[in-house]
Amino acid sequence: MAYCLRLVRPRPLTIAAVTCRPINTDFGEATTQTKKRKTEYRRVRKPTGSDGVHYYELLHKTAHPQIEPSVFYDGVLAKFVNLGMRHGRKQLFQSIMSKALKIIKHTQLEKYDKASTDAERAEIETDALKVFHTAIENCKPIFGINKLRRGGKDIMVPVPFPDARRLHFASKWILEAAKSMPKTEDERNLEQRLASILLSSYEHKGVAIKKKEEYTKHAYANRAFAHFRWW
């Protein structure tokens, strides 16, 4: 049995405003010239109607490891859970954190219902996640301290921290404050104490805010050694 192979010419694709680069077909070109031609430009492919078919190499960039396609993913909350869990029991601390957010929600709703005027209600935040993010931002330190050894002595050098390290310190102080709180009748469980610390940090109060202020004062007191910073 004889088979007939039919060749079909592909239709040109319609691509709008993509960053692309033409494929280099001149293989005899010197490497120094190819390095100079690393210019990227934008080109809009017009709709079908042209006879020629042009192929382009699309430039792709990998996403950041903390970026997830899901709209329900929260990178700050995930980092907080990873820092707070013990012995790999992540699901346990996730349930504790979800209960703490529910307590924050109910507490803010009670304040909202007790408010008498619309101006007071507008100032009350009822979204538990926004309260959590604001509490984390309030506890983030601006400057930190790195230890250097010069002339046989340890010198505390104040340095500006990146955002990831600031998030680490804020989460650490909130967790330490929640775990070191004395257990009372109203705040026996960890989720109740954690909700209390987050609400106090949201209002610029509490133990975590005091730790941030003490740490900032310690960094400001060592400002004379700031010239030792070389990185």
Protein backbone atom coordinates (compact mmCIF):
# COMPACT_ATOMS: atom_id res chain seq x y z
CA MET A 1 0.00 0.00 0.00
CA ALA A 2 1.40 3.39 -0.97
CA TYR A 3 1.17 6.34 1.38
CA CYS A 4 0.86 9.93 0.22
CA LEU A 5 2.49 12.62 2.38
CA ARG A 6 0.79 15.98 2.13
CA LEU A 7 2.81 19.10 3.01
CA VAL A 8 0.76 21.93 4.48
CA ARG A 9 2.24 25.40 4.92
CA PRO A 10 1.55 26.75 8.43
CA ARG A 11 -0.37 29.98 8.72
CA PRO A 12 1.41 32.88 10.40
CA LEU A 13 0.56 33.28 14.08
CA THR A 14 -0.90 36.44 15.56
CA ILE A 15 1.18 37.68 18.50
CA ALA A 16 0.66 41.14 20.01
CA ALA A 17 3.47 43.11 21.67
CA VAL A 18 5.83 40.37 22.79
CA THR A 19 9.50 40.81 23.60
CA CYS A 20 11.32 38.79 20.99
CA ARG A 21 14.67 38.44 19.27
CA PRO A 22 15.35 37.22 15.72
CA ILE A 23 17.21 33.93 15.42
CA ASN A 24 20.78 34.38 14.28
CA THR A 25 21.23 32.43 11.05
CA ASP A 26 24.68 33.79 10.20
CA PHE A 27 26.80 31.03 11.72
CA GLY A 28 30.02 32.45 10.31
CA GLU A 29 29.72 35.58 12.38
CA ALA A 30 32.43 36.22 14.94
CA THR A 31 31.65 35.81 18.62
CA THR A 32 32.65 39.38 19.37
CA GLN A 33 30.01 40.68 16.98
CA THR A 34 27.32 38.45 18.45
CA LYS A 35 28.03 39.81 21.91
CA LYS A 36 27.54 43.35 20.63
CA ARG A 37 24.18 42.46 19.07
CA LYS A 38 22.47 41.47 22.31
CA THR A 39 19.82 44.15 21.91
CA GLU A 40 16.21 43.34 22.71
CA TYR A 41 13.34 45.14 21.02
CA ARG A 42 9.58 44.93 20.74
CA ARG A 43 7.89 43.82 17.56
CA VAL A 44 4.20 43.49 16.89
CA ARG A 45 3.11 40.67 14.59
CA LYS A 46 0.37 41.89 12.29
CA PRO A 47 -2.69 39.77 11.49
CA THR A 48 -2.63 37.26 8.68
CA GLY A 49 -2.28 38.62 5.20
CA SER A 50 1.46 38.66 4.57
CA ASP A 51 2.99 35.96 2.43
CA GLY A 52 6.23 35.51 4.35
CA VAL A 53 6.42 33.46 7.51
CA HIS A 54 8.92 34.70 10.11
CA TYR A 55 9.99 32.72 13.14
CA TYR A 56 11.23 34.39 16.33
CA GLU A 57 12.86 33.12 19.48
CA LEU A 58 10.73 34.24 22.42
CA LEU A 59 12.60 35.31 25.56
CA HIS A 60 11.32 33.61 28.72
CA LYS A 61 12.25 34.54 32.27
CA THR A 62 11.89 32.22 35.25
CA ALA A 63 9.56 33.34 38.01
CA HIS A 64 10.64 34.05 41.58
CA PRO A 65 10.50 30.93 43.81
CA GLN A 66 8.04 32.64 46.17
CA ILE A 67 5.56 33.42 43.39
CA GLU A 68 2.75 30.89 43.04
CA PRO A 69 0.03 30.71 40.38
CA SER A 70 -2.70 30.34 43.00
CA VAL A 71 -4.54 33.48 44.13
CA PHE A 72 -4.88 31.98 47.63
CA TYR A 73 -1.12 31.79 48.21
CA ASP A 74 0.34 34.27 50.70
CA GLY A 75 4.14 34.34 50.81
CA VAL A 76 4.37 36.23 54.12
CA LEU A 77 1.94 33.87 55.84
CA ALA A 78 3.76 30.83 54.43
CA LYS A 79 7.08 32.15 55.74
CA PHE A 80 5.51 32.80 59.14
CA VAL A 81 4.15 29.24 59.29
CA ASN A 82 7.50 27.73 58.30
CA LEU A 83 9.23 29.70 61.03
CA GLY A 84 6.68 28.84 63.69
CA MET A 85 6.35 25.10 63.15
CA ARG A 86 8.38 22.63 65.22
CA HIS A 87 9.68 19.16 64.30
CA GLY A 88 8.20 19.41 60.80
CA ARG A 89 4.58 19.50 62.03
CA LYS A 90 3.46 22.08 59.52
CA GLN A 91 -0.22 21.15 59.42
CA LEU A 92 -0.48 21.62 63.18
CA PHE A 93 0.82 25.18 63.05
CA GLN A 94 -1.32 25.94 59.98
CA SER A 95 -4.40 25.00 61.99
CA ILE A 96 -3.17 27.15 64.90
CA MET A 97 -2.65 30.10 62.56
CA SER A 98 -6.08 29.71 60.98
CA LYS A 99 -7.69 29.67 64.44
CA ALA A 100 -5.70 32.80 65.39
CA LEU A 101 -6.97 34.59 62.29
CA LYS A 102 -10.55 33.59 63.18
CA ILE A 103 -10.08 35.04 66.67
CA ILE A 104 -8.78 38.28 65.14
CA LYS A 105 -11.80 38.37 62.82
CA HIS A 106 -14.29 37.92 65.66
CA THR A 107 -12.53 40.49 67.86
CA GLN A 108 -12.55 43.13 65.14
CA LEU A 109 -16.19 42.42 64.30
CA GLU A 110 -17.15 42.90 67.94
CA LYS A 111 -15.41 46.28 67.93
CA TYR A 112 -17.17 47.13 64.68
CA ASP A 113 -20.59 46.30 66.14
CA LYS A 114 -19.93 48.29 69.32
CA ALA A 115 -18.85 51.40 67.38
CA SER A 116 -21.47 54.13 67.53
CA THR A 117 -20.45 56.36 64.59
CA ASP A 118 -19.50 55.70 61.00
CA ALA A 119 -16.11 57.38 61.49
CA GLU A 120 -15.17 54.87 64.19
CA ARG A 121 -16.32 51.96 62.04
CA ALA A 122 -14.23 53.18 59.10
CA GLU A 123 -11.09 53.02 61.24
CA ILE A 124 -11.68 49.39 62.30
CA GLU A 125 -10.14 46.80 60.00
CA THR A 126 -12.22 43.62 59.82
CA ASP A 127 -9.97 41.71 57.41
CA ALA A 128 -7.80 39.37 59.49
CA LEU A 129 -5.13 39.01 56.81
CA LYS A 130 -4.70 42.78 56.54
CA VAL A 131 -4.33 42.96 60.31
CA PHE A 132 -1.67 40.25 60.12
CA HIS A 133 0.28 42.00 57.36
CA THR A 134 0.11 45.36 59.13
CA ALA A 135 1.35 43.79 62.36
CA ILE A 136 4.29 42.24 60.52
CA GLU A 137 5.14 45.57 58.87
CA ASN A 138 5.01 47.38 62.21
CA CYS A 139 7.48 44.90 63.74
CA LYS A 140 10.01 44.98 60.89
CA PRO A 141 13.32 46.63 61.85
CA ILE A 142 14.90 49.10 59.47
CA PHE A 143 18.49 48.61 60.59
CA GLY A 144 20.28 45.64 62.06
CA ILE A 145 23.65 44.74 63.56
CA ASN A 146 26.40 42.56 62.13
CA LYS A 147 29.36 41.48 64.21
CA LEU A 148 32.89 42.11 62.90
CA ARG A 149 36.23 41.35 64.50
CA ARG A 150 38.84 44.10 64.26
CA GLY A 151 42.03 44.23 66.33
CA GLY A 152 40.96 41.32 68.55
CA LYS A 153 37.64 42.99 69.43
CA ASP A 154 34.09 42.32 68.34
CA ILE A 155 32.54 45.42 66.76
CA MET A 156 28.81 45.82 66.24
CA VAL A 157 28.30 47.41 62.83
CA PRO A 158 24.82 48.81 62.01
CA VAL A 159 23.68 47.80 58.52
CA PRO A 160 20.41 48.11 56.59
CA PHE A 161 18.66 44.76 56.34
CA PRO A 162 17.02 43.38 53.18
CA ASP A 163 13.30 42.75 53.23
CA ALA A 164 13.65 38.99 53.73
CA ARG A 165 15.76 39.43 56.86
CA ARG A 166 13.41 42.12 58.20
CA LEU A 167 10.51 39.69 57.75
CA HIS A 168 12.47 37.00 59.60
CA PHE A 169 13.11 39.23 62.63
CA ALA A 170 9.50 40.48 62.77
CA SER A 171 8.08 36.94 62.64
CA LYS A 172 10.61 35.73 65.18
CA TRP A 173 9.75 38.47 67.69
CA ILE A 174 6.00 37.90 67.35
CA LEU A 175 6.36 34.15 67.84
CA GLU A 176 8.68 34.56 70.83
CA ALA A 177 6.31 37.07 72.42
CA ALA A 178 3.32 34.74 71.93
CA LYS A 179 5.13 31.71 73.38
CA SER A 180 6.52 33.60 76.36
CA MET A 181 3.16 35.09 77.41
CA PRO A 182 1.79 33.80 80.71
CA LYS A 183 -1.21 31.52 80.34
CA THR A 184 -4.44 33.02 81.65
CA GLU A 185 -8.06 31.88 81.60
CA ASP A 186 -8.79 33.89 78.43
CA GLU A 187 -5.48 33.12 76.72
CA ARG A 188 -4.62 29.50 77.39
CA ASN A 189 -3.95 28.23 73.89
CA LEU A 190 -1.22 29.38 71.54
CA GLU A 191 -3.70 30.66 68.95
CA GLN A 192 -5.30 32.98 71.53
CA ARG A 193 -1.94 34.38 72.62
CA LEU A 194 -0.82 34.71 69.01
CA ALA A 195 -3.97 36.63 68.11
CA SER A 196 -3.43 38.92 71.11
CA ILE A 197 0.16 39.70 70.07
CA LEU A 198 -0.86 40.36 66.46
CA LEU A 199 -3.63 42.73 67.51
CA SER A 200 -1.31 44.62 69.87
CA SER A 201 1.36 44.85 67.18
CA TYR A 202 -1.28 46.10 64.77
CA GLU A 203 -1.86 49.01 67.15
CA HIS A 204 1.90 49.67 67.64
CA LYS A 205 1.86 48.16 71.13
CA GLY A 206 3.06 45.02 72.84
CA VAL A 207 6.24 43.08 73.48
CA ALA A 208 7.18 42.62 69.81
CA ILE A 209 7.12 46.38 69.18
CA LYS A 210 9.31 46.94 72.26
CA LYS A 211 11.84 44.42 70.97
CA LYS A 212 11.95 46.23 67.66
CA GLU A 213 12.52 49.58 69.38
CA GLU A 214 15.29 48.17 71.60
CA TYR A 215 17.00 46.58 68.61
CA THR A 216 16.82 49.85 66.66
CA LYS A 217 18.22 51.78 69.64
CA HIS A 218 21.10 49.31 69.93
CA ALA A 219 21.89 49.76 66.23
CA TYR A 220 21.71 53.56 66.55
CA ALA A 221 24.02 53.50 69.59
CA ASN A 222 26.72 51.79 67.48
CA ARG A 223 26.49 54.28 64.60
CA ALA A 224 30.13 55.30 65.21
CA PHE A 225 31.22 51.95 63.71
CA ALA A 226 29.17 52.35 60.53
CA HIS A 227 32.32 53.11 58.50
CA PHE A 228 33.50 49.51 59.04
CA ARG A 229 30.79 48.31 56.67
CA TRP A 230 32.46 47.31 53.40
CA TRP A 231 29.72 45.18 51.76
